[in-house]
Amino acid sequence: MIKVTRLNGKSFQINALYIETVESFPDTTITLTNGKKYIVAESVEVLQERIVDFYNRINLLSSKKLGVEKDE
């Protein structure tokens, strides 16, 4: 889950696994895989950082490249 803020200042959590697109119209709009849309105060760049951080926390992304190991 990532924390986002509505334009009225209220915060809520959204499951980043269900985010299909993040666009700037100029307001940042998040579209979920079910078609639901949310307009949020955060920039696209901030959301990208939060999404990547979330994926790293749940081990969906790895900082290590697959198949490459360091010699010790």
N, C-alpha and C. Protein backbone atom coordinates (compact mmCIF):
# COMPACT_ATOMS: atom_id res chain seq x y z
N MET A 1 0.84 -1.18 0.00
CA MET A 1 0.00 0.00 0.00
C MET A 1 0.88 1.24 0.00
N ILE A 2 0.45 2.26 -0.73
CA ILE A 2 1.15 3.53 -0.71
C ILE A 2 0.18 4.62 -0.26
N LYS A 3 0.73 5.61 0.41
CA LYS A 3 -0.09 6.72 0.90
C LYS A 3 -0.17 7.79 -0.17
N VAL A 4 -1.39 8.25 -0.46
CA VAL A 4 -1.62 9.34 -1.41
C VAL A 4 -2.56 10.35 -0.77
N THR A 5 -2.64 11.53 -1.39
CA THR A 5 -3.43 12.62 -0.83
C THR A 5 -4.42 13.14 -1.87
N ARG A 6 -5.68 13.19 -1.48
CA ARG A 6 -6.69 13.79 -2.35
C ARG A 6 -6.42 15.29 -2.46
N LEU A 7 -7.02 15.94 -3.44
CA LEU A 7 -6.83 17.38 -3.62
C LEU A 7 -7.38 18.18 -2.45
N ASN A 8 -8.32 17.60 -1.69
CA ASN A 8 -8.86 18.30 -0.52
C ASN A 8 -7.98 18.12 0.73
N GLY A 9 -6.85 17.43 0.59
CA GLY A 9 -5.91 17.27 1.70
C GLY A 9 -6.06 15.99 2.49
N LYS A 10 -7.09 15.21 2.23
CA LYS A 10 -7.32 13.95 2.96
C LYS A 10 -6.41 12.86 2.38
N SER A 11 -5.76 12.13 3.27
CA SER A 11 -4.87 11.04 2.86
C SER A 11 -5.60 9.71 2.86
N PHE A 12 -5.15 8.81 1.99
CA PHE A 12 -5.66 7.44 2.00
C PHE A 12 -4.60 6.53 1.42
N GLN A 13 -4.80 5.23 1.60
CA GLN A 13 -3.87 4.22 1.11
C GLN A 13 -4.44 3.57 -0.13
N ILE A 14 -3.55 3.27 -1.07
CA ILE A 14 -3.98 2.60 -2.30
C ILE A 14 -3.03 1.43 -2.54
N ASN A 15 -3.57 0.31 -3.01
CA ASN A 15 -2.76 -0.86 -3.29
C ASN A 15 -2.03 -0.65 -4.61
N ALA A 16 -0.71 -0.51 -4.55
CA ALA A 16 0.08 -0.22 -5.73
C ALA A 16 0.06 -1.36 -6.75
N LEU A 17 -0.28 -2.56 -6.32
CA LEU A 17 -0.34 -3.68 -7.25
C LEU A 17 -1.47 -3.53 -8.27
N TYR A 18 -2.47 -2.71 -7.94
CA TYR A 18 -3.61 -2.53 -8.82
C TYR A 18 -3.52 -1.27 -9.67
N ILE A 19 -2.41 -0.57 -9.61
CA ILE A 19 -2.26 0.65 -10.42
C ILE A 19 -1.90 0.25 -11.85
N GLU A 20 -2.71 0.72 -12.78
CA GLU A 20 -2.46 0.45 -14.20
C GLU A 20 -1.69 1.60 -14.83
N THR A 21 -2.15 2.85 -14.59
CA THR A 21 -1.46 4.02 -15.14
C THR A 21 -1.44 5.15 -14.13
N VAL A 22 -0.42 6.01 -14.27
CA VAL A 22 -0.33 7.25 -13.51
C VAL A 22 -0.04 8.32 -14.56
N GLU A 23 -0.95 9.31 -14.65
CA GLU A 23 -0.83 10.34 -15.68
C GLU A 23 -0.99 11.72 -15.05
N SER A 24 -0.47 12.72 -15.76
CA SER A 24 -0.60 14.10 -15.32
C SER A 24 -1.41 14.87 -16.36
N PHE A 25 -2.56 15.42 -15.95
CA PHE A 25 -3.48 16.07 -16.90
C PHE A 25 -3.73 17.55 -16.70
N PRO A 26 -3.28 18.44 -15.95
CA PRO A 26 -2.05 18.46 -15.18
C PRO A 26 -2.18 17.84 -13.80
N ASP A 27 -3.41 17.63 -13.29
CA ASP A 27 -3.52 16.94 -12.00
C ASP A 27 -3.12 15.48 -12.19
N THR A 28 -2.49 14.91 -11.18
CA THR A 28 -2.05 13.52 -11.27
C THR A 28 -3.24 12.60 -11.10
N THR A 29 -3.44 11.73 -12.07
CA THR A 29 -4.56 10.80 -12.06
C THR A 29 -4.03 9.37 -12.05
N ILE A 30 -4.50 8.60 -11.07
CA ILE A 30 -4.15 7.19 -10.95
C ILE A 30 -5.33 6.39 -11.47
N THR A 31 -5.07 5.49 -12.41
CA THR A 31 -6.11 4.59 -12.91
C THR A 31 -5.77 3.17 -12.45
N LEU A 32 -6.75 2.52 -11.81
CA LEU A 32 -6.56 1.15 -11.33
C LEU A 32 -6.95 0.16 -12.43
N THR A 33 -6.58 -1.09 -12.22
CA THR A 33 -6.89 -2.13 -13.20
C THR A 33 -8.39 -2.35 -13.37
N ASN A 34 -9.20 -1.95 -12.38
CA ASN A 34 -10.65 -2.09 -12.48
C ASN A 34 -11.31 -0.87 -13.14
N GLY A 35 -10.49 0.11 -13.58
CA GLY A 35 -11.01 1.29 -14.25
C GLY A 35 -11.29 2.48 -13.35
N LYS A 36 -11.25 2.28 -12.05
CA LYS A 36 -11.50 3.37 -11.10
C LYS A 36 -10.35 4.36 -11.17
N LYS A 37 -10.67 5.66 -11.09
CA LYS A 37 -9.67 6.71 -11.18
C LYS A 37 -9.65 7.54 -9.90
N TYR A 38 -8.44 7.96 -9.52
CA TYR A 38 -8.24 8.83 -8.36
C TYR A 38 -7.37 10.00 -8.79
N ILE A 39 -7.78 11.20 -8.42
CA ILE A 39 -6.96 12.39 -8.66
C ILE A 39 -6.27 12.71 -7.34
N VAL A 40 -4.95 12.82 -7.39
CA VAL A 40 -4.16 13.01 -6.17
C VAL A 40 -3.24 14.22 -6.28
N ALA A 41 -2.77 14.69 -5.13
CA ALA A 41 -1.93 15.88 -5.07
C ALA A 41 -0.47 15.58 -5.42
N GLU A 42 -0.02 14.34 -5.22
CA GLU A 42 1.38 13.99 -5.46
C GLU A 42 1.71 14.06 -6.95
N SER A 43 2.97 14.33 -7.24
CA SER A 43 3.43 14.34 -8.64
C SER A 43 3.66 12.92 -9.13
N VAL A 44 3.75 12.77 -10.43
CA VAL A 44 4.02 11.46 -11.02
C VAL A 44 5.35 10.91 -10.50
N GLU A 45 6.36 11.77 -10.39
CA GLU A 45 7.67 11.34 -9.92
C GLU A 45 7.63 10.82 -8.48
N VAL A 46 6.90 11.50 -7.62
CA VAL A 46 6.75 11.06 -6.22
C VAL A 46 6.05 9.70 -6.17
N LEU A 47 5.01 9.55 -6.97
CA LEU A 47 4.29 8.27 -6.99
C LEU A 47 5.18 7.15 -7.52
N GLN A 48 5.99 7.42 -8.53
CA GLN A 48 6.91 6.41 -9.04
C GLN A 48 7.85 5.94 -7.95
N GLU A 49 8.40 6.87 -7.17
CA GLU A 49 9.29 6.50 -6.07
C GLU A 49 8.56 5.64 -5.04
N ARG A 50 7.35 6.04 -4.68
CA ARG A 50 6.59 5.28 -3.68
C ARG A 50 6.23 3.89 -4.18
N ILE A 51 5.89 3.78 -5.45
CA ILE A 51 5.54 2.48 -6.02
C ILE A 51 6.76 1.56 -6.03
N VAL A 52 7.90 2.08 -6.47
CA VAL A 52 9.12 1.27 -6.48
C VAL A 52 9.51 0.87 -5.07
N ASP A 53 9.41 1.79 -4.10
CA ASP A 53 9.70 1.46 -2.70
C ASP A 53 8.78 0.34 -2.20
N PHE A 54 7.49 0.43 -2.55
CA PHE A 54 6.53 -0.59 -2.15
C PHE A 54 6.91 -1.94 -2.76
N TYR A 55 7.21 -1.96 -4.06
CA TYR A 55 7.60 -3.21 -4.72
C TYR A 55 8.85 -3.80 -4.09
N ASN A 56 9.80 -2.96 -3.72
CA ASN A 56 11.01 -3.45 -3.06
C ASN A 56 10.69 -4.02 -1.68
N ARG A 57 9.79 -3.39 -0.94
CA ARG A 57 9.42 -3.87 0.41
C ARG A 57 8.79 -5.26 0.35
N ILE A 58 8.03 -5.51 -0.70
CA ILE A 58 7.37 -6.82 -0.80
C ILE A 58 8.16 -7.80 -1.67
N ASN A 59 9.40 -7.40 -1.99
CA ASN A 59 10.32 -8.22 -2.78
C ASN A 59 9.80 -8.55 -4.17
N LEU A 60 9.01 -7.65 -4.75
CA LEU A 60 8.56 -7.83 -6.12
C LEU A 60 9.65 -7.39 -7.08
N LEU A 61 10.42 -6.39 -6.68
CA LEU A 61 11.59 -5.95 -7.43
C LEU A 61 12.82 -6.24 -6.59
N SER A 62 13.89 -6.51 -7.26
CA SER A 62 15.13 -6.77 -6.54
C SER A 62 16.19 -5.80 -7.02
N SER A 63 17.03 -5.36 -6.12
CA SER A 63 18.12 -4.49 -6.51
C SER A 63 19.23 -5.28 -7.19
N LYS A 64 19.19 -6.58 -7.04
CA LYS A 64 20.18 -7.44 -7.70
C LYS A 64 19.67 -7.85 -9.07
N LYS A 65 20.58 -7.93 -10.03
CA LYS A 65 20.19 -8.40 -11.35
C LYS A 65 20.09 -9.92 -11.31
N LEU A 66 19.09 -10.46 -11.97
CA LEU A 66 18.91 -11.91 -11.97
C LEU A 66 20.06 -12.58 -12.72
N GLY A 67 20.56 -13.64 -12.15
CA GLY A 67 21.59 -14.41 -12.81
C GLY A 67 23.00 -13.85 -12.66
N VAL A 68 23.17 -12.75 -11.96
CA VAL A 68 24.49 -12.16 -11.78
C VAL A 68 24.83 -12.20 -10.30
N GLU A 69 25.89 -12.91 -9.96
CA GLU A 69 26.32 -13.00 -8.58
C GLU A 69 27.74 -12.51 -8.47
N LYS A 70 28.05 -11.90 -7.34
CA LYS A 70 29.41 -11.42 -7.08
C LYS A 70 30.30 -12.59 -6.66
N ASP A 71 31.54 -12.57 -7.15
CA ASP A 71 32.52 -13.54 -6.66
C ASP A 71 33.02 -13.08 -5.31
N GLU A 72 33.08 -13.98 -4.37
CA GLU A 72 33.55 -13.61 -3.04
C GLU A 72 34.88 -14.22 -2.76
